[in-house]
PDB file of N, CA and C in Angstrom:
ATOM      1  N   UNK A   1     -19.664  10.741   8.390  1.00  0.00           N
ATOM      2  CA  UNK A   1     -20.593   9.865   9.974  1.00  0.00           C
ATOM      3  C   UNK A   1     -21.002  11.086  10.734  1.00  0.00           C
ATOM      4  N   UNK A   2     -20.396  11.279  11.848  1.00  0.00           N
ATOM      5  CA  UNK A   2     -21.127  12.921  12.805  1.00  0.00           C
ATOM      6  C   UNK A   2     -22.412  12.420  12.832  1.00  0.00           C
ATOM      7  N   UNK A   3     -22.982  13.763  12.857  1.00  0.00           N
ATOM      8  CA  UNK A   3     -24.333  13.842  12.637  1.00  0.00           C
ATOM      9  C   UNK A   3     -24.787  14.477  14.341  1.00  0.00           C
ATOM     10  N   UNK A   4     -25.960  14.342  14.461  1.00  0.00           N
ATOM     11  CA  UNK A   4     -26.719  15.368  15.749  1.00  0.00           C
ATOM     12  C   UNK A   4     -25.481  15.179  17.080  1.00  0.00           C
ATOM     13  N   UNK A   5     -25.262  13.982  17.306  1.00  0.00           N
ATOM     14  CA  UNK A   5     -24.326  13.221  18.417  1.00  0.00           C
ATOM     15  C   UNK A   5     -23.190  13.775  18.665  1.00  0.00           C
ATOM     16  N   UNK A   6     -22.192  14.025  17.217  1.00  0.00           N
ATOM     17  CA  UNK A   6     -21.603  14.618  17.322  1.00  0.00           C
ATOM     18  C   UNK A   6     -21.378  16.545  17.403  1.00  0.00           C
ATOM     19  N   UNK A   7     -22.525  17.252  16.822  1.00  0.00           N
ATOM     20  CA  UNK A   7     -22.838  17.984  17.018  1.00  0.00           C
ATOM     21  C   UNK A   7     -23.336  18.643  18.679  1.00  0.00           C
ATOM     22  N   UNK A   8     -23.781  17.547  19.334  1.00  0.00           N
ATOM     23  CA  UNK A   8     -24.269  17.973  20.875  1.00  0.00           C
ATOM     24  C   UNK A   8     -22.959  17.748  21.750  1.00  0.00           C
ATOM     25  N   UNK A   9     -21.778  16.514  21.438  1.00  0.00           N
ATOM     26  CA  UNK A   9     -20.660  16.738  21.717  1.00  0.00           C
ATOM     27  C   UNK A   9     -20.016  18.120  22.064  1.00  0.00           C
ATOM     28  N   UNK A  10     -19.937  18.385  20.927  1.00  0.00           N
ATOM     29  CA  UNK A  10     -19.085  19.831  20.186  1.00  0.00           C
ATOM     30  C   UNK A  10     -19.601  20.891  21.314  1.00  0.00           C
ATOM     31  N   UNK A  11     -21.054  21.055  21.343  1.00  0.00           N
ATOM     32  CA  UNK A  11     -22.063  22.103  21.786  1.00  0.00           C
ATOM     33  C   UNK A  11     -21.400  21.942  23.584  1.00  0.00           C
ATOM     34  N   UNK A  12     -21.390  20.675  24.033  1.00  0.00           N
ATOM     35  CA  UNK A  12     -21.089  20.418  25.467  1.00  0.00           C
ATOM     36  C   UNK A  12     -19.588  20.773  25.687  1.00  0.00           C
ATOM     37  N   UNK A  13     -18.954  20.419  25.035  1.00  0.00           N
ATOM     38  CA  UNK A  13     -17.342  20.805  25.357  1.00  0.00           C
ATOM     39  C   UNK A  13     -17.287  22.225  25.323  1.00  0.00           C
ATOM     40  N   UNK A  14     -17.749  22.852  24.305  1.00  0.00           N
ATOM     41  CA  UNK A  14     -17.784  24.279  24.290  1.00  0.00           C
ATOM     42  C   UNK A  14     -18.168  25.542  25.334  1.00  0.00           C
ATOM     43  N   UNK A  15     -19.618  24.395  25.858  1.00  0.00           N
ATOM     44  CA  UNK A  15     -20.019  25.206  26.557  1.00  0.00           C
ATOM     45  C   UNK A  15     -19.378  24.682  28.148  1.00  0.00           C
ATOM     46  N   UNK A  16     -19.020  23.444  28.590  1.00  0.00           N
ATOM     47  CA  UNK A  16     -18.663  23.231  29.816  1.00  0.00           C
ATOM     48  C   UNK A  16     -17.023  23.032  29.834  1.00  0.00           C
ATOM     49  N   UNK A  17     -16.116  22.878  29.050  1.00  0.00           N
ATOM     50  CA  UNK A  17     -14.820  22.959  29.096  1.00  0.00           C
ATOM     51  C   UNK A  17     -14.179  23.952  30.104  1.00  0.00           C
ATOM     52  N   UNK A  18     -14.612  25.524  29.581  1.00  0.00           N
ATOM     53  CA  UNK A  18     -14.105  26.724  30.534  1.00  0.00           C
ATOM     54  C   UNK A  18     -14.203  26.601  31.728  1.00  0.00           C
ATOM     55  N   UNK A  19     -15.619  25.635  31.946  1.00  0.00           N
ATOM     56  CA  UNK A  19     -15.519  25.467  33.839  1.00  0.00           C
ATOM     57  C   UNK A  19     -14.827  24.729  34.432  1.00  0.00           C
ATOM     58  N   UNK A  20     -13.925  23.830  33.950  1.00  0.00           N
ATOM     59  CA  UNK A  20     -13.367  22.974  34.382  1.00  0.00           C
ATOM     60  C   UNK A  20     -12.528  23.272  35.652  1.00  0.00           C
ATOM     61  N   UNK A  21     -11.796  24.337  35.639  1.00  0.00           N
ATOM     62  CA  UNK A  21     -11.179  25.196  36.770  1.00  0.00           C
ATOM     63  C   UNK A  21     -11.712  25.787  37.940  1.00  0.00           C
ATOM     64  N   UNK A  22     -12.966  26.106  37.372  1.00  0.00           N
ATOM     65  CA  UNK A  22     -13.685  26.782  38.363  1.00  0.00           C
ATOM     66  C   UNK A  22     -14.554  25.839  38.984  1.00  0.00           C
ATOM     67  N   UNK A  23     -15.255  24.880  38.526  1.00  0.00           N
ATOM     68  CA  UNK A  23     -15.617  23.695  39.260  1.00  0.00           C
ATOM     69  C   UNK A  23     -14.782  22.782  40.362  1.00  0.00           C
ATOM     70  N   UNK A  24     -13.450  23.062  39.613  1.00  0.00           N
ATOM     71  CA  UNK A  24     -12.434  22.165  40.443  1.00  0.00           C
ATOM     72  C   UNK A  24     -12.013  23.118  41.699  1.00  0.00           C
ATOM     73  N   UNK A  25     -12.350  24.188  41.469  1.00  0.00           N
ATOM     74  CA  UNK A  25     -11.528  24.793  42.456  1.00  0.00           C
ATOM     75  C   UNK A  25     -12.779  24.898  43.917  1.00  0.00           C
ATOM     76  N   UNK A  26     -14.182  25.151  43.105  1.00  0.00           N
ATOM     77  CA  UNK A  26     -15.086  24.846  43.905  1.00  0.00           C
ATOM     78  C   UNK A  26     -15.006  23.782  44.537  1.00  0.00           C
ATOM     79  N   UNK A  27     -15.098  22.359  43.747  1.00  0.00           N
ATOM     80  CA  UNK A  27     -14.989  20.904  44.378  1.00  0.00           C
ATOM     81  C   UNK A  27     -14.265  20.560  45.650  1.00  0.00           C
ATOM     82  N   UNK A  28     -12.682  21.287  45.230  1.00  0.00           N
ATOM     83  CA  UNK A  28     -11.910  21.303  46.481  1.00  0.00           C
ATOM     84  C   UNK A  28     -11.877  21.956  47.519  1.00  0.00           C
ATOM     85  N   UNK A  29     -12.748  23.242  47.396  1.00  0.00           N
ATOM     86  CA  UNK A  29     -13.334  23.986  49.014  1.00  0.00           C
ATOM     87  C   UNK A  29     -14.244  22.904  49.577  1.00  0.00           C
ATOM     88  N   UNK A  30     -14.957  22.316  48.859  1.00  0.00           N
ATOM     89  CA  UNK A  30     -16.005  21.585  49.114  1.00  0.00           C
ATOM     90  C   UNK A  30     -15.529  20.189  49.803  1.00  0.00           C
ATOM     91  N   UNK A  31     -14.686  19.663  49.177  1.00  0.00           N
ATOM     92  CA  UNK A  31     -14.083  18.397  49.473  1.00  0.00           C
ATOM     93  C   UNK A  31     -12.660  18.639  50.572  1.00  0.00           C
ATOM     94  N   UNK A  32     -11.868  19.159  50.462  1.00  0.00           N
ATOM     95  CA  UNK A  32     -10.559  19.804  50.957  1.00  0.00           C
ATOM     96  C   UNK A  32      -9.554  18.369  50.764  1.00  0.00           C
ATOM     97  N   UNK A  33      -9.905  17.594  49.449  1.00  0.00           N
ATOM     98  CA  UNK A  33      -8.855  16.442  49.077  1.00  0.00           C
ATOM     99  C   UNK A  33      -8.794  16.931  47.584  1.00  0.00           C
ATOM    100  N   UNK A  34      -7.626  16.977  47.076  1.00  0.00           N
ATOM    101  CA  UNK A  34      -7.624  17.006  45.386  1.00  0.00           C
ATOM    102  C   UNK A  34      -8.173  15.631  44.839  1.00  0.00           C
ATOM    103  N   UNK A  35      -7.900  14.593  45.354  1.00  0.00           N
ATOM    104  CA  UNK A  35      -8.522  13.293  44.643  1.00  0.00           C
ATOM    105  C   UNK A  35     -10.249  13.272  44.635  1.00  0.00           C
ATOM    106  N   UNK A  36     -10.513  13.999  45.863  1.00  0.00           N
ATOM    107  CA  UNK A  36     -12.365  13.667  46.006  1.00  0.00           C
ATOM    108  C   UNK A  36     -12.469  14.880  45.015  1.00  0.00           C
ATOM    109  N   UNK A  37     -11.853  16.212  44.862  1.00  0.00           N
ATOM    110  CA  UNK A  37     -12.572  17.271  44.012  1.00  0.00           C
ATOM    111  C   UNK A  37     -12.383  16.353  42.695  1.00  0.00           C
ATOM    112  N   UNK A  38     -11.313  15.801  42.271  1.00  0.00           N
ATOM    113  CA  UNK A  38     -11.154  15.558  40.586  1.00  0.00           C
ATOM    114  C   UNK A  38     -12.307  14.591  40.541  1.00  0.00           C
ATOM    115  N   UNK A  39     -12.517  13.689  41.219  1.00  0.00           N
ATOM    116  CA  UNK A  39     -13.647  12.374  41.164  1.00  0.00           C
ATOM    117  C   UNK A  39     -15.227  13.480  41.211  1.00  0.00           C
ATOM    118  N   UNK A  40     -14.955  14.239  41.781  1.00  0.00           N
ATOM    119  CA  UNK A  40     -16.477  15.257  41.750  1.00  0.00           C
ATOM    120  C   UNK A  40     -16.734  15.962  40.712  1.00  0.00           C
ATOM    121  N   UNK A  41     -15.405  16.559  40.099  1.00  0.00           N
ATOM    122  CA  UNK A  41     -15.864  17.285  38.540  1.00  0.00           C
ATOM    123  C   UNK A  41     -15.769  16.318  37.696  1.00  0.00           C
ATOM    124  N   UNK A  42     -15.277  15.076  37.692  1.00  0.00           N
ATOM    125  CA  UNK A  42     -15.422  13.942  36.746  1.00  0.00           C
ATOM    126  C   UNK A  42     -16.852  13.432  36.661  1.00  0.00           C
ATOM    127  N   UNK A  43     -17.419  13.419  37.567  1.00  0.00           N
ATOM    128  CA  UNK A  43     -18.780  12.899  37.957  1.00  0.00           C
ATOM    129  C   UNK A  43     -19.842  14.113  37.537  1.00  0.00           C
ATOM    130  N   UNK A  44     -19.492  15.337  37.887  1.00  0.00           N
ATOM    131  CA  UNK A  44     -20.056  16.507  37.064  1.00  0.00           C
ATOM    132  C   UNK A  44     -20.651  16.525  35.695  1.00  0.00           C
ATOM    133  N   UNK A  45     -19.286  16.484  35.554  1.00  0.00           N
ATOM    134  CA  UNK A  45     -19.330  16.236  33.600  1.00  0.00           C
ATOM    135  C   UNK A  45     -20.061  15.139  33.199  1.00  0.00           C
ATOM    136  N   UNK A  46     -19.685  13.896  33.626  1.00  0.00           N
ATOM    137  CA  UNK A  46     -20.412  12.641  33.195  1.00  0.00           C
ATOM    138  C   UNK A  46     -22.186  13.147  33.561  1.00  0.00           C
ATOM    139  N   UNK A  47     -22.270  13.657  34.549  1.00  0.00           N
ATOM    140  CA  UNK A  47     -24.111  13.636  34.936  1.00  0.00           C
ATOM    141  C   UNK A  47     -24.463  14.949  33.588  1.00  0.00           C
ATOM    142  N   UNK A  48     -23.545  15.894  33.651  1.00  0.00           N
ATOM    143  CA  UNK A  48     -24.025  17.277  32.657  1.00  0.00           C
ATOM    144  C   UNK A  48     -24.151  16.545  31.316  1.00  0.00           C
ATOM    145  N   UNK A  49     -23.237  16.129  31.137  1.00  0.00           N
ATOM    146  CA  UNK A  49     -23.130  15.146  29.632  1.00  0.00           C
ATOM    147  C   UNK A  49     -24.749  14.462  29.256  1.00  0.00           C
ATOM    148  N   UNK A  50     -24.733  13.493  30.517  1.00  0.00           N
ATOM    149  CA  UNK A  50     -25.848  12.578  29.942  1.00  0.00           C
ATOM    150  C   UNK A  50     -27.254  13.257  29.983  1.00  0.00           C
ATOM    151  N   UNK A  51     -27.382  14.635  30.966  1.00  0.00           N
ATOM    152  CA  UNK A  51     -28.585  15.396  30.509  1.00  0.00           C
ATOM    153  C   UNK A  51     -28.653  16.346  29.926  1.00  0.00           C
ATOM    154  N   UNK A  52     -27.504  16.516  28.828  1.00  0.00           N
ATOM    155  CA  UNK A  52     -27.094  17.860  28.261  1.00  0.00           C
ATOM    156  C   UNK A  52     -28.611  18.129  27.546  1.00  0.00           C
ATOM    157  N   UNK A  53     -28.832  17.019  26.858  1.00  0.00           N
ATOM    158  CA  UNK A  53     -30.400  17.388  26.290  1.00  0.00           C
ATOM    159  C   UNK A  53     -31.576  17.744  26.749  1.00  0.00           C
ATOM    160  N   UNK A  54     -31.686  18.258  28.324  1.00  0.00           N
ATOM    161  CA  UNK A  54     -32.621  19.179  28.933  1.00  0.00           C
ATOM    162  C   UNK A  54     -31.804  20.283  29.068  1.00  0.00           C
ATOM    163  N   UNK A  55     -30.373  20.503  28.619  1.00  0.00           N
ATOM    164  CA  UNK A  55     -29.936  21.884  28.848  1.00  0.00           C
ATOM    165  C   UNK A  55     -30.444  22.830  27.447  1.00  0.00           C
ATOM    166  N   UNK A  56     -31.451  23.786  28.208  1.00  0.00           N
ATOM    167  CA  UNK A  56     -32.188  24.820  27.139  1.00  0.00           C
ATOM    168  C   UNK A  56     -30.785  26.084  26.963  1.00  0.00           C
ATOM    169  N   UNK A  57     -30.433  25.938  25.723  1.00  0.00           N
ATOM    170  CA  UNK A  57     -29.083  27.015  25.179  1.00  0.00           C
ATOM    171  C   UNK A  57     -29.898  28.466  25.581  1.00  0.00           C
ATOM    172  N   UNK A  58     -29.093  29.082  25.871  1.00  0.00           N
ATOM    173  CA  UNK A  58     -29.090  30.640  26.658  1.00  0.00           C
ATOM    174  C   UNK A  58     -29.751  30.934  27.907  1.00  0.00           C
ATOM    175  N   UNK A  59     -29.679  29.672  29.049  1.00  0.00           N
ATOM    176  CA  UNK A  59     -29.720  29.840  30.456  1.00  0.00           C
ATOM    177  C   UNK A  59     -28.232  29.890  30.804  1.00  0.00           C
ATOM    178  N   UNK A  60     -28.240  30.148  31.866  1.00  0.00           N
ATOM    179  CA  UNK A  60     -26.981  29.802  32.488  1.00  0.00           C
ATOM    180  C   UNK A  60     -26.026  28.851  32.613  1.00  0.00           C
ATOM    181  N   UNK A  61     -25.271  28.234  31.829  1.00  0.00           N
ATOM    182  CA  UNK A  61     -24.492  27.088  31.804  1.00  0.00           C
ATOM    183  C   UNK A  61     -23.719  27.080  33.157  1.00  0.00           C
ATOM    184  N   UNK A  62     -22.888  27.899  33.664  1.00  0.00           N
ATOM    185  CA  UNK A  62     -21.956  28.253  35.225  1.00  0.00           C
ATOM    186  C   UNK A  62     -22.660  27.547  36.134  1.00  0.00           C
ATOM    187  N   UNK A  63     -24.010  28.243  36.240  1.00  0.00           N
ATOM    188  CA  UNK A  63     -25.075  28.114  37.302  1.00  0.00           C
ATOM    189  C   UNK A  63     -25.542  26.613  36.862  1.00  0.00           C
ATOM    190  N   UNK A  64     -25.638  25.994  36.075  1.00  0.00           N
ATOM    191  CA  UNK A  64     -26.235  24.594  35.497  1.00  0.00           C
ATOM    192  C   UNK A  64     -24.982  23.444  36.299  1.00  0.00           C
ATOM    193  N   UNK A  65     -24.012  23.750  35.717  1.00  0.00           N
ATOM    194  CA  UNK A  65     -22.652  23.107  36.181  1.00  0.00           C
ATOM    195  C   UNK A  65     -22.441  22.866  37.966  1.00  0.00           C
ATOM    196  N   UNK A  66     -22.467  24.016  38.268  1.00  0.00           N
ATOM    197  CA  UNK A  66     -22.244  24.395  39.591  1.00  0.00           C
ATOM    198  C   UNK A  66     -23.568  23.653  40.500  1.00  0.00           C
ATOM    199  N   UNK A  67     -24.513  23.515  39.936  1.00  0.00           N
ATOM    200  CA  UNK A  67     -25.724  23.021  40.694  1.00  0.00           C
ATOM    201  C   UNK A  67     -25.461  21.572  40.540  1.00  0.00           C
ATOM    202  N   UNK A  68     -25.016  21.104  39.553  1.00  0.00           N
ATOM    203  CA  UNK A  68     -25.120  19.590  39.430  1.00  0.00           C
ATOM    204  C   UNK A  68     -24.079  19.299  40.289  1.00  0.00           C
ATOM    205  N   UNK A  69     -22.656  20.100  40.104  1.00  0.00           N
ATOM    206  CA  UNK A  69     -21.719  19.543  41.128  1.00  0.00           C
ATOM    207  C   UNK A  69     -21.913  19.602  42.548  1.00  0.00           C
ATOM    208  N   UNK A  70     -22.822  20.607  42.786  1.00  0.00           N
ATOM    209  CA  UNK A  70     -23.166  20.600  44.521  1.00  0.00           C
ATOM    210  C   UNK A  70     -24.327  19.722  44.710  1.00  0.00           C
ATOM    211  N   UNK A  71     -25.084  19.572  44.035  1.00  0.00           N
ATOM    212  CA  UNK A  71     -25.882  18.451  44.317  1.00  0.00           C
ATOM    213  C   UNK A  71     -25.605  17.095  44.464  1.00  0.00           C
ATOM    214  N   UNK A  72     -24.319  16.484  43.815  1.00  0.00           N
ATOM    215  CA  UNK A  72     -23.684  15.510  43.672  1.00  0.00           C
ATOM    216  C   UNK A  72     -23.229  15.173  45.063  1.00  0.00           C
ATOM    217  N   UNK A  73     -22.178  16.727  45.404  1.00  0.00           N
ATOM    218  CA  UNK A  73     -21.807  16.650  46.603  1.00  0.00           C
ATOM    219  C   UNK A  73     -22.774  16.134  47.861  1.00  0.00           C
ATOM    220  N   UNK A  74     -24.099  17.313  47.892  1.00  0.00           N
ATOM    221  CA  UNK A  74     -24.753  17.050  49.192  1.00  0.00           C
ATOM    222  C   UNK A  74     -25.250  15.067  49.090  1.00  0.00           C
ATOM    223  N   UNK A  75     -25.544  14.640  47.968  1.00  0.00           N
ATOM    224  CA  UNK A  75     -25.871  13.502  47.913  1.00  0.00           C
ATOM    225  C   UNK A  75     -24.862  12.504  48.287  1.00  0.00           C
ATOM    226  N   UNK A  76     -23.833  12.878  47.721  1.00  0.00           N
ATOM    227  CA  UNK A  76     -22.520  12.042  48.467  1.00  0.00           C
ATOM    228  C   UNK A  76     -22.164  11.698  50.088  1.00  0.00           C
ATOM    229  N   UNK A  77     -22.392  13.348  50.661  1.00  0.00           N
ATOM    230  CA  UNK A  77     -22.120  13.645  52.238  1.00  0.00           C
ATOM    231  C   UNK A  77     -23.497  12.434  52.840  1.00  0.00           C
ATOM    232  N   UNK A  78     -24.536  12.876  52.226  1.00  0.00           N
ATOM    233  CA  UNK A  78     -26.074  12.220  52.626  1.00  0.00           C
ATOM    234  C   UNK A  78     -25.557  10.716  52.730  1.00  0.00           C
ATOM    235  N   UNK A  79     -25.213  10.429  51.765  1.00  0.00           N
ATOM    236  CA  UNK A  79     -24.759   8.530  51.741  1.00  0.00           C
ATOM    237  C   UNK A  79     -24.167   8.526  52.711  1.00  0.00           C
ATOM    238  N   UNK A  80     -23.207   9.112  52.836  1.00  0.00           N
ATOM    239  CA  UNK A  80     -21.932   8.715  53.381  1.00  0.00           C
ATOM    240  C   UNK A  80     -22.238   8.982  55.174  1.00  0.00           C
ATOM    241  N   UNK A  81     -23.105  10.041  55.193  1.00  0.00           N
ATOM    242  CA  UNK A  81     -23.716  10.341  56.591  1.00  0.00           C
ATOM    243  C   UNK A  81     -24.708   9.316  57.069  1.00  0.00           C
ATOM    244  N   UNK A  82     -25.331   8.462  56.487  1.00  0.00           N
ATOM    245  CA  UNK A  82     -26.195   7.131  56.397  1.00  0.00           C
ATOM    246  C   UNK A  82     -25.400   5.644  57.062  1.00  0.00           C
ATOM    247  N   UNK A  83     -24.489   5.913  56.318  1.00  0.00           N
ATOM    248  CA  UNK A  83     -23.653   4.933  56.633  1.00  0.00           C
ATOM    249  C   UNK A  83     -23.130   4.607  58.403  1.00  0.00           C
ATOM    250  N   UNK A  84     -23.364   3.421  58.976  1.00  0.00           N
ATOM    251  CA  UNK A  84     -22.544   3.418  60.220  1.00  0.00           C
ATOM    252  C   UNK A  84     -21.243   3.866  60.393  1.00  0.00           C
ATOM    253  N   UNK A  85     -20.808   4.669  61.522  1.00  0.00           N
ATOM    254  CA  UNK A  85     -19.550   4.960  61.573  1.00  0.00           C
ATOM    255  C   UNK A  85     -18.287   3.665  61.751  1.00  0.00           C
ATOM    256  N   UNK A  86     -17.199   3.650  61.160  1.00  0.00           N
ATOM    257  CA  UNK A  86     -16.536   2.543  61.714  1.00  0.00           C
ATOM    258  C   UNK A  86     -15.238   2.785  62.169  1.00  0.00           C
ATOM    259  N   UNK A  87     -14.642   2.270  63.054  1.00  0.00           N
ATOM    260  CA  UNK A  87     -13.252   3.060  63.571  1.00  0.00           C
ATOM    261  C   UNK A  87     -12.452   1.750  63.384  1.00  0.00           C
ATOM    262  N   UNK A  88     -11.048   2.150  63.403  1.00  0.00           N
ATOM    263  CA  UNK A  88      -9.842   1.519  63.067  1.00  0.00           C
ATOM    264  C   UNK A  88      -9.898   0.314  64.849  1.00  0.00           C
ATOM    265  N   UNK A  89      -9.278  -0.479  64.491  1.00  0.00           N
ATOM    266  CA  UNK A  89      -9.028  -1.398  65.676  1.00  0.00           C
ATOM    267  C   UNK A  89      -7.637  -1.430  65.822  1.00  0.00           C
ATOM    268  N   UNK A  90      -6.743  -0.425  65.234  1.00  0.00           N
ATOM    269  CA  UNK A  90      -5.216  -0.522  65.539  1.00  0.00           C
ATOM    270  C   UNK A  90      -5.177   0.672  66.625  1.00  0.00           C
TER     271      UNK A  90
END
């Protein structure tokens, strides 16, 4: 079986997996919560994998992954900021 999908997955893993720890450290600095940082990194990997076809070999993979992570973080912050604030009644 195998094929180009398997080849792309292996290429993506080889490129992205070594960046997991630095991405998490950056996400933790941005979010200040381990669960939120983990979610942010997971979303980063999902988005990067989905768009891996547009990644050009030879370009800076680390910069690409960090840009994706930061973009997701900014979009989430904007989304949260656009919602009305809620206050506990307690």
